[in-house]
Amino acid sequence: MEEHGCPRVVWDGSELDWVDPGGRRLYLRGVGREFLEGWPFDQAYERLLREYRPSRRYRLGLFMPCSYGKPYSQSYIHYLIRRAIAPWLREGLVHEIIVTNAGVVPRELDEYWPFTAYDWNPLRETPEIRQCYRDVLARRVRGYIERFHSHYHRFTAYLRWDSDSWAAIERVREELGLAIPNLAPRAVPQREVEDAGLGLGYEKDPDIVLITPTALRSLREGLRTILERGEP
């Protein structure tokens, strides 16, 4: 029944459900195998390989971290990374590929459920679950590369050197014999980390190092070397 002519539903967002359209849109908060391979992340990955296609052939596929804020593109860290590389994104040269416990998420899917509704807290990880994360992510990244390699001239990454995500990428690089350079610096000045945190506690996020001036300069210079100079 409508009150005062107000429709019960005008828009339900079901076209943004990558899994189970119009069904259970749970917020998936937790750490463990269930939040790596359980429903709906396993189904989301299977559909990715089965139905997704990159929109063009890109010069570069850029593996990058996820973020606490969702969708990723609206997060503090992703906003500053994207601003730093905007010219190459506008030209369609670089394709952003987010790696996360939720799987492998191409940028154009970052507003789809379940990729917008989960929270994996690294502070709750155990050594065993960290290894599990590496294993699952490595398998998914390898599957993505094998499925869509013809859409990319090459791949690179922008991930903390001490992150489990980079460890998974390194394993895939070795298994497939690919050159996947990491464009992040190995260290940045602590003062830059504090400044990037804005005094609001953001510096507690380990990935905040990736938006410091030193790190963003490393990213831009690395991309320029690959894209503009054609160097490997």
Protein backbone atom coordinates (compact mmCIF):
# COMPACT_ATOMS: atom_id res chain seq x y z
CA MET A 1 0.00 0.00 0.00
CA GLU A 2 1.29 3.45 -0.91
CA GLU A 3 1.03 6.38 1.45
CA HIS A 4 0.65 9.88 0.02
CA GLY A 5 1.52 8.55 -3.41
CA CYS A 6 4.97 7.38 -2.28
CA PRO A 7 5.99 4.16 -4.14
CA ARG A 8 7.26 1.33 -1.97
CA VAL A 9 10.36 0.85 -4.15
CA VAL A 10 11.72 3.19 -6.82
CA TRP A 11 15.12 1.55 -7.19
CA ASP A 12 16.48 -1.57 -5.50
CA GLY A 13 20.02 -1.62 -6.91
CA SER A 14 19.69 -5.21 -8.11
CA GLU A 15 21.60 -4.49 -11.32
CA LEU A 16 24.63 -3.87 -9.09
CA ASP A 17 24.47 -7.33 -7.54
CA TRP A 18 27.29 -9.33 -9.08
CA VAL A 19 26.05 -12.41 -7.17
CA ASP A 20 22.45 -13.37 -6.37
CA PRO A 21 20.66 -10.36 -7.93
CA GLY A 22 18.02 -8.93 -5.63
CA GLY A 23 18.81 -11.53 -3.00
CA ARG A 24 20.63 -11.45 0.31
CA ARG A 25 22.91 -8.42 0.42
CA LEU A 26 24.76 -9.27 3.61
CA TYR A 27 27.54 -7.17 5.04
CA LEU A 28 30.36 -9.71 5.31
CA ARG A 29 32.52 -8.83 8.30
CA GLY A 30 35.05 -11.40 9.43
CA VAL A 31 38.41 -13.09 8.95
CA GLY A 32 38.83 -16.75 8.07
CA ARG A 33 38.48 -19.25 5.24
CA GLU A 34 34.74 -18.59 5.11
CA PHE A 35 35.51 -14.99 4.13
CA LEU A 36 37.97 -16.09 1.45
CA GLU A 37 36.35 -18.98 -0.36
CA GLY A 38 32.85 -19.12 1.04
CA TRP A 39 29.69 -17.68 -0.44
CA PRO A 40 29.50 -15.22 -2.12
CA PHE A 41 33.17 -14.60 -2.96
CA ASP A 42 33.69 -17.96 -4.61
CA GLN A 43 30.64 -17.43 -6.84
CA ALA A 44 31.75 -13.90 -7.64
CA TYR A 45 35.13 -15.15 -8.84
CA GLU A 46 33.59 -17.95 -10.88
CA ARG A 47 31.29 -15.47 -12.61
CA LEU A 48 34.23 -13.16 -13.23
CA LEU A 49 36.07 -15.82 -15.18
CA ARG A 50 32.92 -16.98 -16.94
CA GLU A 51 31.21 -13.73 -17.94
CA TYR A 52 33.49 -10.73 -17.46
CA ARG A 53 35.64 -9.27 -20.23
CA PRO A 54 38.02 -6.25 -20.02
CA SER A 55 36.61 -3.50 -22.23
CA ARG A 56 39.72 -3.14 -24.40
CA ARG A 57 43.32 -4.25 -24.77
CA TYR A 58 45.28 -2.29 -22.18
CA ARG A 59 48.94 -1.46 -22.22
CA LEU A 60 49.12 -2.29 -18.53
CA GLY A 61 47.15 -4.19 -15.90
CA LEU A 62 47.90 -2.61 -12.50
CA PHE A 63 47.37 -4.82 -9.43
CA MET A 64 46.60 -2.58 -6.46
CA PRO A 65 45.36 -2.96 -2.87
CA CYS A 66 41.80 -2.88 -1.66
CA SER A 67 40.65 -0.39 0.97
CA TYR A 68 38.52 -0.24 4.08
CA GLY A 69 36.27 2.35 2.42
CA LYS A 70 33.81 1.00 -0.13
CA PRO A 71 33.46 1.31 -3.02
CA TYR A 72 37.23 1.38 -3.39
CA SER A 73 37.11 4.24 -5.89
CA GLN A 74 35.60 6.51 -3.22
CA SER A 75 38.17 5.67 -0.56
CA TYR A 76 40.88 8.08 0.61
CA ILE A 77 43.76 5.91 -0.58
CA HIS A 78 42.29 5.05 -3.97
CA TYR A 79 41.29 8.65 -4.64
CA LEU A 80 44.87 9.86 -4.23
CA ILE A 81 46.35 6.97 -6.22
CA ARG A 82 43.91 7.55 -9.05
CA ARG A 83 44.56 11.29 -9.06
CA ALA A 84 48.29 10.62 -9.36
CA ILE A 85 47.88 8.44 -12.45
CA ALA A 86 44.81 10.12 -13.94
CA PRO A 87 46.34 10.94 -17.36
CA TRP A 88 47.02 7.28 -18.11
CA LEU A 89 43.61 6.23 -16.81
CA ARG A 90 41.86 8.78 -19.03
CA GLU A 91 43.79 7.55 -22.05
CA GLY A 92 42.74 3.99 -21.35
CA LEU A 93 46.32 2.78 -21.04
CA VAL A 94 46.12 1.41 -17.50
CA HIS A 95 43.50 -0.94 -16.08
CA GLU A 96 43.16 -1.03 -12.30
CA ILE A 97 42.77 -4.51 -10.79
CA ILE A 98 42.13 -4.64 -7.05
CA VAL A 99 43.37 -7.68 -5.12
CA THR A 100 41.63 -8.56 -1.87
CA ASN A 101 40.25 -11.38 0.25
CA ALA A 102 37.10 -10.92 -1.85
CA GLY A 103 39.07 -11.97 -4.92
CA VAL A 104 40.24 -10.09 -8.00
CA VAL A 105 38.11 -7.02 -8.66
CA PRO A 106 38.48 -5.05 -11.90
CA ARG A 107 37.81 -1.36 -11.29
CA GLU A 108 34.53 -1.33 -13.20
CA LEU A 109 33.07 -3.86 -10.73
CA ASP A 110 33.97 -2.03 -7.53
CA GLU A 111 30.41 -0.74 -7.01
CA TYR A 112 28.92 -4.22 -7.27
CA TRP A 113 27.83 -6.37 -4.34
CA PRO A 114 29.56 -8.20 -2.64
CA PHE A 115 32.66 -6.08 -3.34
CA THR A 116 31.04 -3.07 -1.65
CA ALA A 117 29.98 -4.84 1.54
CA TYR A 118 32.76 -6.61 3.40
CA ASP A 119 35.34 -5.90 6.07
CA TRP A 120 38.41 -8.10 6.47
CA ASN A 121 40.35 -6.85 9.50
CA PRO A 122 44.10 -7.57 9.15
CA LEU A 123 44.51 -7.13 12.91
CA ARG A 124 42.54 -10.35 13.39
CA GLU A 125 44.72 -12.44 11.10
CA THR A 126 46.72 -15.42 12.37
CA PRO A 127 49.83 -16.83 10.67
CA GLU A 128 47.67 -19.67 9.36
CA ILE A 129 45.05 -17.40 7.83
CA ARG A 130 47.72 -15.19 6.29
CA GLN A 131 49.10 -18.24 4.50
CA CYS A 132 45.61 -19.22 3.45
CA TYR A 133 45.04 -15.71 2.09
CA ARG A 134 48.23 -15.93 0.04
CA ASP A 135 47.28 -19.32 -1.36
CA VAL A 136 43.75 -18.32 -2.34
CA LEU A 137 44.74 -14.97 -3.81
CA ALA A 138 47.63 -16.46 -5.78
CA ARG A 139 45.27 -19.03 -7.29
CA ARG A 140 42.75 -16.36 -8.23
CA VAL A 141 45.32 -13.95 -9.67
CA ARG A 142 46.83 -16.74 -11.73
CA GLY A 143 43.37 -17.70 -13.00
CA TYR A 144 42.66 -14.09 -13.94
CA ILE A 145 45.93 -13.70 -15.82
CA GLU A 146 45.52 -16.98 -17.65
CA ARG A 147 41.95 -16.12 -18.61
CA PHE A 148 42.50 -12.51 -19.72
CA HIS A 149 46.20 -12.21 -20.63
CA SER A 150 45.31 -11.37 -24.23
CA HIS A 151 43.70 -8.12 -23.02
CA TYR A 152 46.98 -6.78 -21.59
CA HIS A 153 50.38 -6.01 -23.00
CA ARG A 154 51.86 -6.63 -19.56
CA PHE A 155 51.15 -6.44 -15.82
CA THR A 156 52.61 -4.50 -12.92
CA ALA A 157 51.72 -3.94 -9.26
CA TYR A 158 51.53 -1.18 -6.69
CA LEU A 159 51.52 -2.98 -3.35
CA ARG A 160 53.43 -2.82 -0.08
CA TRP A 161 56.50 -5.02 -0.35
CA ASP A 162 55.70 -6.66 2.99
CA SER A 163 52.04 -7.33 2.15
CA ASP A 164 50.52 -10.76 1.68
CA SER A 165 48.97 -9.50 -1.54
CA TRP A 166 52.42 -8.83 -3.01
CA ALA A 167 53.61 -12.23 -1.78
CA ALA A 168 50.76 -13.81 -3.74
CA ILE A 169 51.62 -11.80 -6.87
CA GLU A 170 55.27 -12.80 -6.55
CA ARG A 171 54.28 -16.46 -6.47
CA VAL A 172 52.22 -16.07 -9.62
CA ARG A 173 55.05 -14.18 -11.29
CA GLU A 174 57.42 -17.04 -10.60
CA GLU A 175 54.95 -19.75 -11.59
CA LEU A 176 54.10 -18.13 -14.92
CA GLY A 177 57.54 -16.71 -15.64
CA LEU A 178 56.18 -13.18 -16.01
CA ALA A 179 57.79 -9.83 -15.32
CA ILE A 180 55.44 -8.12 -12.84
CA PRO A 181 57.40 -5.24 -11.31
CA ASN A 182 56.24 -3.64 -8.06
CA LEU A 183 56.23 0.13 -8.48
CA ALA A 184 55.93 0.90 -4.77
CA PRO A 185 59.07 2.10 -2.95
CA ARG A 186 60.54 -0.18 -0.32
CA ALA A 187 60.59 2.62 2.25
CA VAL A 188 59.21 6.12 2.72
CA PRO A 189 60.03 8.83 5.29
CA GLN A 190 58.05 8.42 8.50
CA ARG A 191 57.16 12.09 8.46
CA GLU A 192 55.37 11.59 5.14
CA VAL A 193 53.35 8.75 6.65
CA GLU A 194 52.28 10.96 9.53
CA ASP A 195 51.33 13.78 7.18
CA ALA A 196 49.34 11.40 4.97
CA GLY A 197 47.37 10.33 8.04
CA LEU A 198 46.11 13.91 8.44
CA GLY A 199 46.22 13.53 12.20
CA LEU A 200 42.98 11.55 11.95
CA GLY A 201 44.37 8.09 12.58
CA TYR A 202 44.71 7.09 8.93
CA GLU A 203 48.39 6.40 9.51
CA LYS A 204 47.32 3.23 11.34
CA ASP A 205 46.38 1.76 7.97
CA PRO A 206 49.59 0.09 6.65
CA ASP A 207 48.65 1.01 3.08
CA ILE A 208 48.80 4.72 3.93
CA VAL A 209 52.46 4.55 2.87
CA LEU A 210 51.21 4.17 -0.70
CA ILE A 211 49.85 7.74 -0.82
CA THR A 212 52.92 9.51 0.53
CA PRO A 213 54.73 11.85 -1.92
CA THR A 214 57.65 9.43 -2.18
CA ALA A 215 55.40 6.49 -3.04
CA LEU A 216 53.21 8.34 -5.53
CA ARG A 217 56.30 9.71 -7.25
CA SER A 218 57.64 6.16 -7.53
CA LEU A 219 54.34 5.04 -9.05
CA ARG A 220 54.24 7.85 -11.61
CA GLU A 221 57.86 7.44 -12.61
CA GLY A 222 57.46 3.69 -12.90
CA LEU A 223 54.40 4.00 -15.11
CA ARG A 224 56.06 6.67 -17.23
CA THR A 225 59.07 4.43 -17.77
CA ILE A 226 56.89 1.54 -18.89
CA LEU A 227 54.28 3.41 -20.89
CA GLU A 228 56.09 6.35 -22.39
CA ARG A 229 59.59 4.96 -22.81
CA GLY A 230 58.49 1.42 -23.56
CA GLU A 231 60.99 -0.07 -21.13
CA PRO A 232 60.34 -3.50 -19.58
